[in-house]
Amino acid sequence: MKHLTITSVGFAALMVSIFGLQATALAQGAPDSSRAPWEMMHDWGWGGMWLMPLFGIAWFALMIIVIVLLVRWLAGGSGGRGVQARTARDILDERYARGDIDREEYLRRKSDIAGG
């Protein structure tokens, strides 16, 4: 089920980024026929030819970062750096150390946990 959720979120983010970039291009409107072909970068000159792909890459990187953070948040994980789950043996050892159970009960439960 988690795999399906991650795939769905990734697909949705990919569609948003693709259609978002197309919407940006469409928002600029039709080309102005009064401009010369070399003025198509709206007076940015040749620098615009290098900046626009960089903005596209930055947008794509931002989408990837958002997807990764969203997936990590939905998975509820801290990347495995959080507190590890305690085993039954750990809990039993703690109870014995605190004095909640006596030695006989500790040994009996320890053998039950070990399966023998």
N, C-alpha and C. Protein backbone atom coordinates (compact mmCIF):
# COMPACT_ATOMS: atom_id res chain seq x y z
N MET A 1 0.81 -1.19 0.00
CA MET A 1 0.00 0.00 0.00
C MET A 1 0.86 1.26 0.00
N LYS A 2 1.98 1.24 0.75
CA LYS A 2 2.87 2.40 0.77
C LYS A 2 3.46 2.65 -0.61
N HIS A 3 3.79 1.56 -1.33
CA HIS A 3 4.38 1.72 -2.66
C HIS A 3 3.38 2.41 -3.59
N LEU A 4 2.12 2.06 -3.49
CA LEU A 4 1.09 2.68 -4.32
C LEU A 4 0.97 4.16 -3.99
N THR A 5 1.03 4.50 -2.71
CA THR A 5 0.92 5.89 -2.30
C THR A 5 2.11 6.70 -2.80
N ILE A 6 3.31 6.17 -2.67
CA ILE A 6 4.50 6.87 -3.12
C ILE A 6 4.45 7.06 -4.63
N THR A 7 4.01 6.04 -5.35
CA THR A 7 3.92 6.14 -6.80
C THR A 7 2.87 7.18 -7.20
N SER A 8 1.75 7.19 -6.50
CA SER A 8 0.69 8.16 -6.80
C SER A 8 1.16 9.58 -6.54
N VAL A 9 1.84 9.79 -5.42
CA VAL A 9 2.34 11.12 -5.11
C VAL A 9 3.38 11.55 -6.13
N GLY A 10 4.27 10.65 -6.50
CA GLY A 10 5.29 10.97 -7.49
C GLY A 10 4.70 11.32 -8.84
N PHE A 11 3.69 10.54 -9.26
CA PHE A 11 3.02 10.79 -10.53
C PHE A 11 2.32 12.14 -10.51
N ALA A 12 1.63 12.42 -9.40
CA ALA A 12 0.91 13.70 -9.29
C ALA A 12 1.88 14.87 -9.34
N ALA A 13 3.01 14.76 -8.65
CA ALA A 13 3.99 15.84 -8.65
C ALA A 13 4.60 16.02 -10.04
N LEU A 14 4.83 14.92 -10.73
CA LEU A 14 5.38 15.00 -12.09
C LEU A 14 4.40 15.72 -13.02
N MET A 15 3.12 15.39 -12.91
CA MET A 15 2.12 16.04 -13.75
C MET A 15 2.02 17.53 -13.44
N VAL A 16 2.08 17.88 -12.15
CA VAL A 16 2.02 19.29 -11.78
C VAL A 16 3.22 20.03 -12.35
N SER A 17 4.39 19.43 -12.27
CA SER A 17 5.57 20.12 -12.78
C SER A 17 5.52 20.25 -14.31
N ILE A 18 5.08 19.21 -14.99
CA ILE A 18 5.00 19.26 -16.45
C ILE A 18 3.98 20.30 -16.89
N PHE A 19 2.77 20.21 -16.34
CA PHE A 19 1.73 21.14 -16.77
C PHE A 19 1.97 22.54 -16.24
N GLY A 20 2.67 22.64 -15.11
CA GLY A 20 3.02 23.96 -14.59
C GLY A 20 3.98 24.68 -15.52
N LEU A 21 4.96 23.94 -16.07
CA LEU A 21 5.89 24.55 -17.01
C LEU A 21 5.20 24.93 -18.31
N GLN A 22 4.27 24.11 -18.75
CA GLN A 22 3.53 24.44 -19.96
C GLN A 22 2.64 25.65 -19.74
N ALA A 23 2.02 25.73 -18.57
CA ALA A 23 1.17 26.88 -18.27
C ALA A 23 1.98 28.16 -18.25
N THR A 24 3.21 28.08 -17.76
CA THR A 24 4.08 29.26 -17.76
C THR A 24 4.37 29.71 -19.18
N ALA A 25 4.63 28.76 -20.06
CA ALA A 25 4.90 29.11 -21.45
C ALA A 25 3.65 29.67 -22.13
N LEU A 26 2.49 29.11 -21.83
CA LEU A 26 1.25 29.60 -22.44
C LEU A 26 0.86 30.96 -21.90
N ALA A 27 1.23 31.27 -20.67
CA ALA A 27 0.87 32.55 -20.07
C ALA A 27 1.59 33.71 -20.75
N GLN A 28 2.66 33.43 -21.47
CA GLN A 28 3.40 34.49 -22.14
C GLN A 28 2.65 35.01 -23.37
N GLY A 29 1.70 34.25 -23.84
CA GLY A 29 0.90 34.70 -24.97
C GLY A 29 1.56 34.43 -26.31
N ALA A 30 0.90 34.88 -27.34
CA ALA A 30 1.39 34.67 -28.70
C ALA A 30 2.61 35.55 -28.95
N PRO A 31 3.50 35.09 -29.83
CA PRO A 31 4.68 35.90 -30.13
C PRO A 31 4.28 37.23 -30.78
N ASP A 32 5.02 38.24 -30.46
CA ASP A 32 4.79 39.57 -31.00
C ASP A 32 5.42 39.64 -32.39
N SER A 33 4.61 39.84 -33.39
CA SER A 33 5.12 39.83 -34.76
C SER A 33 5.93 41.08 -35.09
N SER A 34 5.84 42.10 -34.24
CA SER A 34 6.61 43.32 -34.51
C SER A 34 8.06 43.18 -34.08
N ARG A 35 8.41 42.15 -33.33
CA ARG A 35 9.78 41.95 -32.87
C ARG A 35 10.57 41.14 -33.89
N ALA A 36 11.82 41.37 -33.91
CA ALA A 36 12.71 40.58 -34.76
C ALA A 36 12.93 39.23 -34.09
N PRO A 37 13.28 38.20 -34.86
CA PRO A 37 13.45 36.86 -34.28
C PRO A 37 14.50 36.81 -33.18
N TRP A 38 15.53 37.62 -33.23
CA TRP A 38 16.56 37.56 -32.21
C TRP A 38 16.13 38.26 -30.91
N GLU A 39 14.98 38.91 -30.93
CA GLU A 39 14.47 39.58 -29.73
C GLU A 39 13.43 38.71 -29.01
N MET A 40 13.42 37.45 -29.27
CA MET A 40 12.39 36.60 -28.71
C MET A 40 12.54 36.37 -27.20
N MET A 41 13.67 36.71 -26.63
CA MET A 41 13.88 36.50 -25.20
C MET A 41 13.48 37.74 -24.41
N HIS A 42 12.66 38.58 -24.97
CA HIS A 42 12.12 39.77 -24.29
C HIS A 42 13.23 40.66 -23.74
N ASP A 43 14.14 40.98 -24.60
CA ASP A 43 15.26 41.88 -24.29
C ASP A 43 16.22 41.33 -23.25
N TRP A 44 16.23 40.03 -23.04
CA TRP A 44 17.20 39.43 -22.14
C TRP A 44 18.51 39.18 -22.89
N GLY A 45 18.44 39.24 -24.18
CA GLY A 45 19.61 38.97 -24.98
C GLY A 45 19.98 37.49 -24.92
N TRP A 46 21.25 37.20 -25.16
CA TRP A 46 21.70 35.81 -25.14
C TRP A 46 21.76 35.24 -23.72
N GLY A 47 21.81 36.11 -22.72
CA GLY A 47 21.83 35.63 -21.33
C GLY A 47 20.57 34.86 -20.97
N GLY A 48 19.45 35.25 -21.54
CA GLY A 48 18.20 34.55 -21.27
C GLY A 48 18.22 33.11 -21.76
N MET A 49 19.01 32.87 -22.79
CA MET A 49 19.09 31.51 -23.32
C MET A 49 19.73 30.59 -22.28
N TRP A 50 20.58 31.11 -21.42
CA TRP A 50 21.22 30.29 -20.39
C TRP A 50 20.43 30.30 -19.08
N LEU A 51 19.76 31.40 -18.80
CA LEU A 51 19.02 31.48 -17.55
C LEU A 51 17.76 30.63 -17.56
N MET A 52 17.07 30.58 -18.66
CA MET A 52 15.80 29.84 -18.69
C MET A 52 16.00 28.35 -18.43
N PRO A 53 16.99 27.67 -19.02
CA PRO A 53 17.19 26.26 -18.65
C PRO A 53 17.60 26.10 -17.18
N LEU A 54 18.36 27.06 -16.66
CA LEU A 54 18.74 26.96 -15.24
C LEU A 54 17.51 27.08 -14.34
N PHE A 55 16.59 27.99 -14.70
CA PHE A 55 15.35 28.09 -13.94
C PHE A 55 14.53 26.81 -14.06
N GLY A 56 14.53 26.20 -15.23
CA GLY A 56 13.83 24.93 -15.40
C GLY A 56 14.42 23.83 -14.55
N ILE A 57 15.75 23.77 -14.49
CA ILE A 57 16.43 22.76 -13.66
C ILE A 57 16.14 23.03 -12.18
N ALA A 58 16.17 24.31 -11.79
CA ALA A 58 15.89 24.66 -10.39
C ALA A 58 14.46 24.28 -10.03
N TRP A 59 13.52 24.50 -10.94
CA TRP A 59 12.12 24.14 -10.71
C TRP A 59 12.00 22.62 -10.55
N PHE A 60 12.67 21.89 -11.40
CA PHE A 60 12.63 20.43 -11.33
C PHE A 60 13.25 19.93 -10.02
N ALA A 61 14.36 20.52 -9.61
CA ALA A 61 15.01 20.15 -8.35
C ALA A 61 14.10 20.45 -7.17
N LEU A 62 13.41 21.58 -7.22
CA LEU A 62 12.47 21.93 -6.16
C LEU A 62 11.34 20.91 -6.08
N MET A 63 10.84 20.48 -7.23
CA MET A 63 9.77 19.46 -7.25
C MET A 63 10.26 18.15 -6.63
N ILE A 64 11.49 17.76 -6.93
CA ILE A 64 12.04 16.52 -6.37
C ILE A 64 12.18 16.65 -4.86
N ILE A 65 12.66 17.79 -4.38
CA ILE A 65 12.81 18.00 -2.94
C ILE A 65 11.45 17.94 -2.25
N VAL A 66 10.46 18.58 -2.85
CA VAL A 66 9.11 18.55 -2.27
C VAL A 66 8.57 17.13 -2.22
N ILE A 67 8.78 16.37 -3.28
CA ILE A 67 8.29 14.98 -3.32
C ILE A 67 8.98 14.15 -2.25
N VAL A 68 10.29 14.29 -2.12
CA VAL A 68 11.03 13.51 -1.12
C VAL A 68 10.55 13.86 0.28
N LEU A 69 10.41 15.14 0.57
CA LEU A 69 9.95 15.54 1.90
C LEU A 69 8.52 15.08 2.16
N LEU A 70 7.67 15.15 1.15
CA LEU A 70 6.29 14.70 1.31
C LEU A 70 6.22 13.20 1.55
N VAL A 71 6.99 12.44 0.81
CA VAL A 71 7.00 10.98 0.98
C VAL A 71 7.53 10.62 2.37
N ARG A 72 8.60 11.28 2.80
CA ARG A 72 9.14 11.00 4.13
C ARG A 72 8.14 11.37 5.21
N TRP A 73 7.41 12.46 5.01
CA TRP A 73 6.42 12.87 6.00
C TRP A 73 5.26 11.89 6.03
N LEU A 74 4.79 11.46 4.84
CA LEU A 74 3.68 10.50 4.78
C LEU A 74 4.09 9.15 5.33
N ALA A 75 5.32 8.75 5.12
CA ALA A 75 5.79 7.47 5.64
C ALA A 75 6.01 7.53 7.14
N GLY A 76 6.02 8.73 7.70
CA GLY A 76 6.17 8.88 9.13
C GLY A 76 7.56 8.56 9.63
N GLY A 77 8.51 8.58 8.74
CA GLY A 77 9.85 8.20 9.14
C GLY A 77 10.77 9.38 9.25
N SER A 78 11.79 9.18 10.03
CA SER A 78 12.84 10.18 10.13
C SER A 78 14.08 9.65 9.45
N GLY A 79 13.91 8.74 8.52
CA GLY A 79 15.03 8.19 7.79
C GLY A 79 15.80 7.14 8.58
N GLY A 80 15.15 6.54 9.56
CA GLY A 80 15.80 5.50 10.34
C GLY A 80 16.75 6.04 11.40
N ARG A 81 16.76 7.34 11.61
CA ARG A 81 17.65 7.93 12.60
C ARG A 81 16.96 8.09 13.95
N GLY A 82 15.69 7.73 14.03
CA GLY A 82 14.93 7.92 15.26
C GLY A 82 15.18 6.81 16.27
N VAL A 83 14.30 6.77 17.24
CA VAL A 83 14.41 5.78 18.30
C VAL A 83 14.04 4.41 17.73
N GLN A 84 14.86 3.43 18.03
CA GLN A 84 14.59 2.09 17.54
C GLN A 84 13.55 1.43 18.43
N ALA A 85 12.77 0.53 17.85
CA ALA A 85 11.74 -0.18 18.60
C ALA A 85 12.40 -1.11 19.61
N ARG A 86 11.81 -1.16 20.79
CA ARG A 86 12.35 -2.04 21.82
C ARG A 86 11.80 -3.44 21.63
N THR A 87 12.63 -4.42 21.88
CA THR A 87 12.21 -5.81 21.78
C THR A 87 11.60 -6.24 23.10
N ALA A 88 10.95 -7.39 23.07
CA ALA A 88 10.36 -7.93 24.30
C ALA A 88 11.44 -8.22 25.33
N ARG A 89 12.58 -8.65 24.86
CA ARG A 89 13.70 -8.94 25.78
C ARG A 89 14.19 -7.67 26.45
N ASP A 90 14.24 -6.57 25.71
CA ASP A 90 14.66 -5.29 26.30
C ASP A 90 13.70 -4.85 27.40
N ILE A 91 12.42 -4.98 27.13
CA ILE A 91 11.41 -4.59 28.12
C ILE A 91 11.51 -5.48 29.35
N LEU A 92 11.69 -6.79 29.13
CA LEU A 92 11.83 -7.71 30.26
C LEU A 92 13.06 -7.38 31.10
N ASP A 93 14.17 -7.08 30.44
CA ASP A 93 15.39 -6.71 31.16
C ASP A 93 15.18 -5.44 31.99
N GLU A 94 14.48 -4.48 31.44
CA GLU A 94 14.21 -3.23 32.16
C GLU A 94 13.33 -3.48 33.38
N ARG A 95 12.30 -4.30 33.21
CA ARG A 95 11.41 -4.61 34.35
C ARG A 95 12.17 -5.32 35.46
N TYR A 96 13.05 -6.22 35.09
CA TYR A 96 13.85 -6.94 36.09
C TYR A 96 14.81 -5.98 36.79
N ALA A 97 15.42 -5.09 36.02
CA ALA A 97 16.35 -4.13 36.60
C ALA A 97 15.66 -3.16 37.55
N ARG A 98 14.42 -2.78 37.25
CA ARG A 98 13.67 -1.88 38.12
C ARG A 98 13.14 -2.59 39.36
N GLY A 99 13.11 -3.93 39.32
CA GLY A 99 12.60 -4.69 40.45
C GLY A 99 11.11 -4.97 40.36
N ASP A 100 10.52 -4.76 39.18
CA ASP A 100 9.09 -5.04 39.01
C ASP A 100 8.80 -6.53 39.08
N ILE A 101 9.74 -7.35 38.66
CA ILE A 101 9.57 -8.81 38.69
C ILE A 101 10.76 -9.43 39.40
N ASP A 102 10.52 -10.62 39.98
CA ASP A 102 11.62 -11.29 40.67
C ASP A 102 12.41 -12.17 39.70
N ARG A 103 13.47 -12.79 40.22
CA ARG A 103 14.37 -13.58 39.38
C ARG A 103 13.67 -14.76 38.73
N GLU A 104 12.82 -15.45 39.48
CA GLU A 104 12.13 -16.63 38.95
C GLU A 104 11.22 -16.26 37.77
N GLU A 105 10.46 -15.18 37.95
CA GLU A 105 9.57 -14.75 36.87
C GLU A 105 10.40 -14.27 35.67
N TYR A 106 11.50 -13.57 35.95
CA TYR A 106 12.38 -13.11 34.87
C TYR A 106 12.90 -14.29 34.04
N LEU A 107 13.39 -15.32 34.73
CA LEU A 107 13.94 -16.48 34.01
C LEU A 107 12.85 -17.23 33.26
N ARG A 108 11.65 -17.33 33.85
CA ARG A 108 10.54 -18.01 33.17
C ARG A 108 10.14 -17.25 31.91
N ARG A 109 9.98 -15.96 32.01
CA ARG A 109 9.59 -15.16 30.84
C ARG A 109 10.69 -15.10 29.79
N LYS A 110 11.92 -15.07 30.24
CA LYS A 110 13.06 -15.07 29.32
C LYS A 110 13.07 -16.34 28.49
N SER A 111 12.80 -17.49 29.13
CA SER A 111 12.75 -18.75 28.38
C SER A 111 11.54 -18.80 27.46
N ASP A 112 10.42 -18.18 27.87
CA ASP A 112 9.24 -18.12 26.99
C ASP A 112 9.55 -17.28 25.74
N ILE A 113 10.24 -16.17 25.94
CA ILE A 113 10.58 -15.32 24.79
C ILE A 113 11.53 -16.03 23.84
N ALA A 114 12.50 -16.75 24.43
CA ALA A 114 13.48 -17.47 23.62
C ALA A 114 12.87 -18.65 22.90
N GLY A 115 11.66 -19.07 23.33
CA GLY A 115 10.98 -20.17 22.65
C GLY A 115 11.38 -21.53 23.18
N GLY A 116 11.88 -21.58 24.38
CA GLY A 116 12.33 -22.88 24.87
C GLY A 116 11.90 -23.19 26.22
